[in-house]
Amino acid sequence: MRFIQIIEFETDNIDAFTAEVQAWEADSADWRTATRATLCADRDHAGTYLQVVEFPSYEDAMANSNDPRTAEFAARLEALTKGAPRFRNLDVARTDDF
């Protein structure tokens, strides 16, 4: 079953955050388990963002989360945010393409 993790965070420096994500994408190409990431800006709350990360399964997501390289990456991102990020862990029950 596909799995999605939503990470909500606040930052005043989205350009540095995005640059860090792009560097991680290049560095992790051979080992990451995430298959897609979408960054969303909250129109109603300036400086608030949601990163939607898709995985083939919950198990793949947990393998990614437990990888020390992911922990290092997360620490670099957290240094660019205000406070701790908030996580939502979601099993994909259904998708529709229109």
N, C-alpha and C. Protein backbone atom coordinates (compact mmCIF):
# COMPACT_ATOMS: atom_id res chain seq x y z
N MET A 1 0.84 -1.17 0.00
CA MET A 1 0.00 0.00 0.00
C MET A 1 0.89 1.24 0.00
N ARG A 2 0.60 2.17 -0.91
CA ARG A 2 1.38 3.41 -0.96
C ARG A 2 1.20 4.20 0.32
N PHE A 3 2.20 5.03 0.61
CA PHE A 3 2.24 5.76 1.87
C PHE A 3 2.69 7.19 1.60
N ILE A 4 2.08 8.13 2.31
CA ILE A 4 2.44 9.54 2.17
C ILE A 4 2.76 10.10 3.55
N GLN A 5 3.80 10.88 3.59
CA GLN A 5 4.14 11.60 4.81
C GLN A 5 4.03 13.10 4.50
N ILE A 6 3.29 13.81 5.33
CA ILE A 6 3.17 15.26 5.19
C ILE A 6 3.93 15.90 6.34
N ILE A 7 4.82 16.80 5.99
CA ILE A 7 5.65 17.49 6.98
C ILE A 7 5.30 18.97 6.89
N GLU A 8 4.75 19.51 7.96
CA GLU A 8 4.41 20.93 8.02
C GLU A 8 5.50 21.65 8.80
N PHE A 9 5.94 22.78 8.26
CA PHE A 9 7.00 23.53 8.92
C PHE A 9 6.88 25.00 8.58
N GLU A 10 7.58 25.81 9.34
CA GLU A 10 7.63 27.25 9.10
C GLU A 10 9.08 27.67 8.87
N THR A 11 9.26 28.57 7.92
CA THR A 11 10.60 29.10 7.65
C THR A 11 10.50 30.48 7.02
N ASP A 12 11.51 31.28 7.28
CA ASP A 12 11.64 32.57 6.62
C ASP A 12 12.64 32.48 5.47
N ASN A 13 13.20 31.28 5.26
CA ASN A 13 14.23 31.13 4.23
C ASN A 13 13.92 29.89 3.37
N ILE A 14 12.83 29.97 2.62
CA ILE A 14 12.43 28.82 1.81
C ILE A 14 13.45 28.54 0.70
N ASP A 15 14.18 29.55 0.26
CA ASP A 15 15.19 29.32 -0.79
C ASP A 15 16.30 28.42 -0.27
N ALA A 16 16.78 28.65 0.95
CA ALA A 16 17.81 27.79 1.53
C ALA A 16 17.26 26.39 1.79
N PHE A 17 16.02 26.31 2.23
CA PHE A 17 15.38 25.01 2.46
C PHE A 17 15.32 24.22 1.15
N THR A 18 14.86 24.89 0.10
CA THR A 18 14.74 24.23 -1.21
C THR A 18 16.11 23.81 -1.74
N ALA A 19 17.11 24.63 -1.56
CA ALA A 19 18.47 24.27 -2.00
C ALA A 19 18.96 23.03 -1.26
N GLU A 20 18.66 22.94 0.02
CA GLU A 20 19.07 21.77 0.80
C GLU A 20 18.36 20.52 0.30
N VAL A 21 17.07 20.64 -0.02
CA VAL A 21 16.31 19.51 -0.57
C VAL A 21 16.88 19.08 -1.91
N GLN A 22 17.20 20.03 -2.76
CA GLN A 22 17.76 19.69 -4.07
C GLN A 22 19.11 19.01 -3.95
N ALA A 23 19.93 19.44 -3.01
CA ALA A 23 21.22 18.78 -2.78
C ALA A 23 21.00 17.35 -2.31
N TRP A 24 20.03 17.16 -1.41
CA TRP A 24 19.73 15.81 -0.92
C TRP A 24 19.21 14.92 -2.06
N GLU A 25 18.38 15.48 -2.92
CA GLU A 25 17.87 14.70 -4.05
C GLU A 25 19.02 14.16 -4.90
N ALA A 26 20.01 14.99 -5.16
CA ALA A 26 21.16 14.55 -5.95
C ALA A 26 21.99 13.53 -5.19
N ASP A 27 22.23 13.78 -3.90
CA ASP A 27 23.07 12.89 -3.09
C ASP A 27 22.42 11.54 -2.81
N SER A 28 21.09 11.50 -2.77
CA SER A 28 20.40 10.28 -2.36
C SER A 28 19.83 9.47 -3.52
N ALA A 29 20.16 9.85 -4.73
CA ALA A 29 19.56 9.21 -5.91
C ALA A 29 19.72 7.69 -5.90
N ASP A 30 20.82 7.18 -5.36
CA ASP A 30 21.07 5.74 -5.39
C ASP A 30 20.46 4.96 -4.23
N TRP A 31 19.97 5.64 -3.21
CA TRP A 31 19.49 4.90 -2.05
C TRP A 31 18.14 5.36 -1.47
N ARG A 32 17.63 6.50 -1.87
CA ARG A 32 16.38 6.97 -1.25
C ARG A 32 15.20 6.09 -1.66
N THR A 33 14.22 6.02 -0.79
CA THR A 33 13.02 5.23 -1.07
C THR A 33 11.83 6.11 -1.43
N ALA A 34 11.92 7.41 -1.20
CA ALA A 34 10.85 8.33 -1.59
C ALA A 34 10.76 8.37 -3.11
N THR A 35 9.54 8.43 -3.63
CA THR A 35 9.35 8.43 -5.08
C THR A 35 8.88 9.78 -5.61
N ARG A 36 8.38 10.64 -4.73
CA ARG A 36 7.92 11.95 -5.16
C ARG A 36 7.84 12.87 -3.94
N ALA A 37 8.12 14.14 -4.17
CA ALA A 37 7.96 15.14 -3.12
C ALA A 37 7.33 16.38 -3.74
N THR A 38 6.37 16.94 -3.03
CA THR A 38 5.69 18.15 -3.47
C THR A 38 5.76 19.16 -2.34
N LEU A 39 6.27 20.35 -2.64
CA LEU A 39 6.33 21.42 -1.65
C LEU A 39 5.15 22.35 -1.88
N CYS A 40 4.41 22.62 -0.83
CA CYS A 40 3.24 23.49 -0.90
C CYS A 40 3.40 24.66 0.06
N ALA A 41 3.04 25.86 -0.40
CA ALA A 41 3.05 27.05 0.44
C ALA A 41 1.62 27.33 0.88
N ASP A 42 1.44 27.56 2.17
CA ASP A 42 0.12 27.86 2.72
C ASP A 42 -0.24 29.31 2.41
N ARG A 43 -1.25 29.52 1.59
CA ARG A 43 -1.65 30.87 1.17
C ARG A 43 -2.21 31.68 2.34
N ASP A 44 -2.75 31.00 3.34
CA ASP A 44 -3.38 31.69 4.46
C ASP A 44 -2.43 31.98 5.61
N HIS A 45 -1.26 31.36 5.59
CA HIS A 45 -0.29 31.52 6.68
C HIS A 45 1.11 31.70 6.07
N ALA A 46 1.51 32.95 5.89
CA ALA A 46 2.81 33.24 5.28
C ALA A 46 3.93 32.57 6.06
N GLY A 47 4.86 31.97 5.33
CA GLY A 47 5.99 31.30 5.95
C GLY A 47 5.72 29.88 6.40
N THR A 48 4.50 29.39 6.15
CA THR A 48 4.14 28.00 6.50
C THR A 48 4.10 27.17 5.23
N TYR A 49 4.72 25.99 5.29
CA TYR A 49 4.85 25.12 4.14
C TYR A 49 4.50 23.69 4.53
N LEU A 50 4.08 22.92 3.53
CA LEU A 50 3.87 21.49 3.70
C LEU A 50 4.66 20.76 2.63
N GLN A 51 5.44 19.79 3.05
CA GLN A 51 6.19 18.94 2.14
C GLN A 51 5.45 17.60 2.11
N VAL A 52 4.96 17.21 0.96
CA VAL A 52 4.24 15.95 0.80
C VAL A 52 5.20 14.97 0.14
N VAL A 53 5.54 13.89 0.87
CA VAL A 53 6.54 12.93 0.37
C VAL A 53 5.85 11.58 0.19
N GLU A 54 5.99 11.01 -1.00
CA GLU A 54 5.35 9.74 -1.33
C GLU A 54 6.35 8.60 -1.33
N PHE A 55 5.89 7.44 -0.86
CA PHE A 55 6.69 6.22 -0.79
C PHE A 55 5.88 5.06 -1.34
N PRO A 56 6.55 4.01 -1.82
CA PRO A 56 5.81 2.83 -2.27
C PRO A 56 5.04 2.15 -1.15
N SER A 57 5.55 2.25 0.10
CA SER A 57 4.91 1.57 1.22
C SER A 57 5.36 2.21 2.54
N TYR A 58 4.64 1.90 3.60
CA TYR A 58 5.02 2.34 4.94
C TYR A 58 6.41 1.82 5.29
N GLU A 59 6.66 0.56 4.94
CA GLU A 59 7.96 -0.05 5.24
C GLU A 59 9.10 0.70 4.56
N ASP A 60 8.89 1.10 3.31
CA ASP A 60 9.90 1.89 2.61
C ASP A 60 10.11 3.25 3.28
N ALA A 61 9.03 3.85 3.74
CA ALA A 61 9.14 5.13 4.44
C ALA A 61 9.93 4.99 5.73
N MET A 62 9.68 3.91 6.47
CA MET A 62 10.38 3.70 7.73
C MET A 62 11.86 3.38 7.49
N ALA A 63 12.16 2.66 6.42
CA ALA A 63 13.56 2.40 6.07
C ALA A 63 14.26 3.72 5.78
N ASN A 64 13.57 4.61 5.08
CA ASN A 64 14.12 5.93 4.80
C ASN A 64 14.32 6.71 6.10
N SER A 65 13.31 6.72 6.95
CA SER A 65 13.38 7.47 8.21
C SER A 65 14.49 6.97 9.13
N ASN A 66 14.73 5.67 9.11
CA ASN A 66 15.73 5.07 9.99
C ASN A 66 17.15 5.14 9.44
N ASP A 67 17.31 5.61 8.22
CA ASP A 67 18.64 5.72 7.62
C ASP A 67 19.37 6.90 8.25
N PRO A 68 20.57 6.73 8.74
CA PRO A 68 21.32 7.84 9.35
C PRO A 68 21.52 9.02 8.41
N ARG A 69 21.59 8.76 7.11
CA ARG A 69 21.74 9.86 6.15
C ARG A 69 20.49 10.74 6.12
N THR A 70 19.34 10.11 6.31
CA THR A 70 18.10 10.88 6.38
C THR A 70 18.06 11.72 7.65
N ALA A 71 18.53 11.16 8.75
CA ALA A 71 18.57 11.92 10.01
C ALA A 71 19.47 13.15 9.88
N GLU A 72 20.60 13.00 9.22
CA GLU A 72 21.50 14.14 9.00
C GLU A 72 20.82 15.20 8.13
N PHE A 73 20.15 14.77 7.09
CA PHE A 73 19.42 15.66 6.20
C PHE A 73 18.32 16.39 6.98
N ALA A 74 17.56 15.66 7.77
CA ALA A 74 16.47 16.26 8.55
C ALA A 74 17.01 17.30 9.53
N ALA A 75 18.16 17.05 10.12
CA ALA A 75 18.76 18.02 11.05
C ALA A 75 19.14 19.30 10.32
N ARG A 76 19.66 19.17 9.10
CA ARG A 76 20.02 20.36 8.32
C ARG A 76 18.76 21.17 7.98
N LEU A 77 17.68 20.46 7.64
CA LEU A 77 16.43 21.15 7.33
C LEU A 77 15.85 21.82 8.57
N GLU A 78 15.87 21.12 9.69
CA GLU A 78 15.29 21.68 10.91
C GLU A 78 16.03 22.94 11.35
N ALA A 79 17.30 23.04 11.04
CA ALA A 79 18.06 24.24 11.36
C ALA A 79 17.56 25.45 10.57
N LEU A 80 16.85 25.20 9.48
CA LEU A 80 16.32 26.28 8.64
C LEU A 80 14.87 26.61 8.96
N THR A 81 14.28 25.92 9.94
CA THR A 81 12.87 26.12 10.25
C THR A 81 12.69 26.71 11.64
N LYS A 82 11.50 27.20 11.86
CA LYS A 82 11.12 27.72 13.18
C LYS A 82 10.41 26.60 13.93
N GLY A 83 11.00 26.15 15.02
CA GLY A 83 10.38 25.08 15.80
C GLY A 83 10.48 23.74 15.11
N ALA A 84 9.91 22.76 15.74
CA ALA A 84 9.94 21.39 15.21
C ALA A 84 8.88 21.22 14.13
N PRO A 85 9.21 20.45 13.10
CA PRO A 85 8.20 20.15 12.08
C PRO A 85 7.11 19.25 12.65
N ARG A 86 5.94 19.29 12.01
CA ARG A 86 4.82 18.43 12.40
C ARG A 86 4.61 17.40 11.29
N PHE A 87 4.47 16.15 11.68
CA PHE A 87 4.38 15.05 10.72
C PHE A 87 2.98 14.44 10.73
N ARG A 88 2.52 14.05 9.53
CA ARG A 88 1.32 13.24 9.37
C ARG A 88 1.73 12.03 8.55
N ASN A 89 1.39 10.85 9.01
CA ASN A 89 1.72 9.60 8.33
C ASN A 89 0.44 8.96 7.82
N LEU A 90 0.33 8.83 6.50
CA LEU A 90 -0.92 8.46 5.87
C LEU A 90 -0.79 7.27 4.93
N ASP A 91 -1.60 6.26 5.13
CA ASP A 91 -1.73 5.19 4.14
C ASP A 91 -2.64 5.71 3.03
N VAL A 92 -2.26 5.48 1.80
CA VAL A 92 -3.08 5.93 0.67
C VAL A 92 -4.23 4.94 0.51
N ALA A 93 -5.43 5.41 0.75
CA ALA A 93 -6.61 4.56 0.64
C ALA A 93 -7.17 4.54 -0.79
N ARG A 94 -6.96 5.67 -1.50
CA ARG A 94 -7.51 5.74 -2.85
C ARG A 94 -6.89 6.95 -3.55
N THR A 95 -6.68 6.82 -4.84
CA THR A 95 -6.28 7.96 -5.67
C THR A 95 -7.13 7.95 -6.94
N ASP A 96 -7.41 9.12 -7.42
CA ASP A 96 -8.13 9.28 -8.68
C ASP A 96 -7.37 10.27 -9.54
N ASP A 97 -7.13 9.93 -10.77
CA ASP A 97 -6.53 10.86 -11.72
C ASP A 97 -7.62 11.41 -12.60
N PHE A 98 -7.66 12.70 -12.75
CA PHE A 98 -8.70 13.34 -13.58
C PHE A 98 -8.08 13.98 -14.78
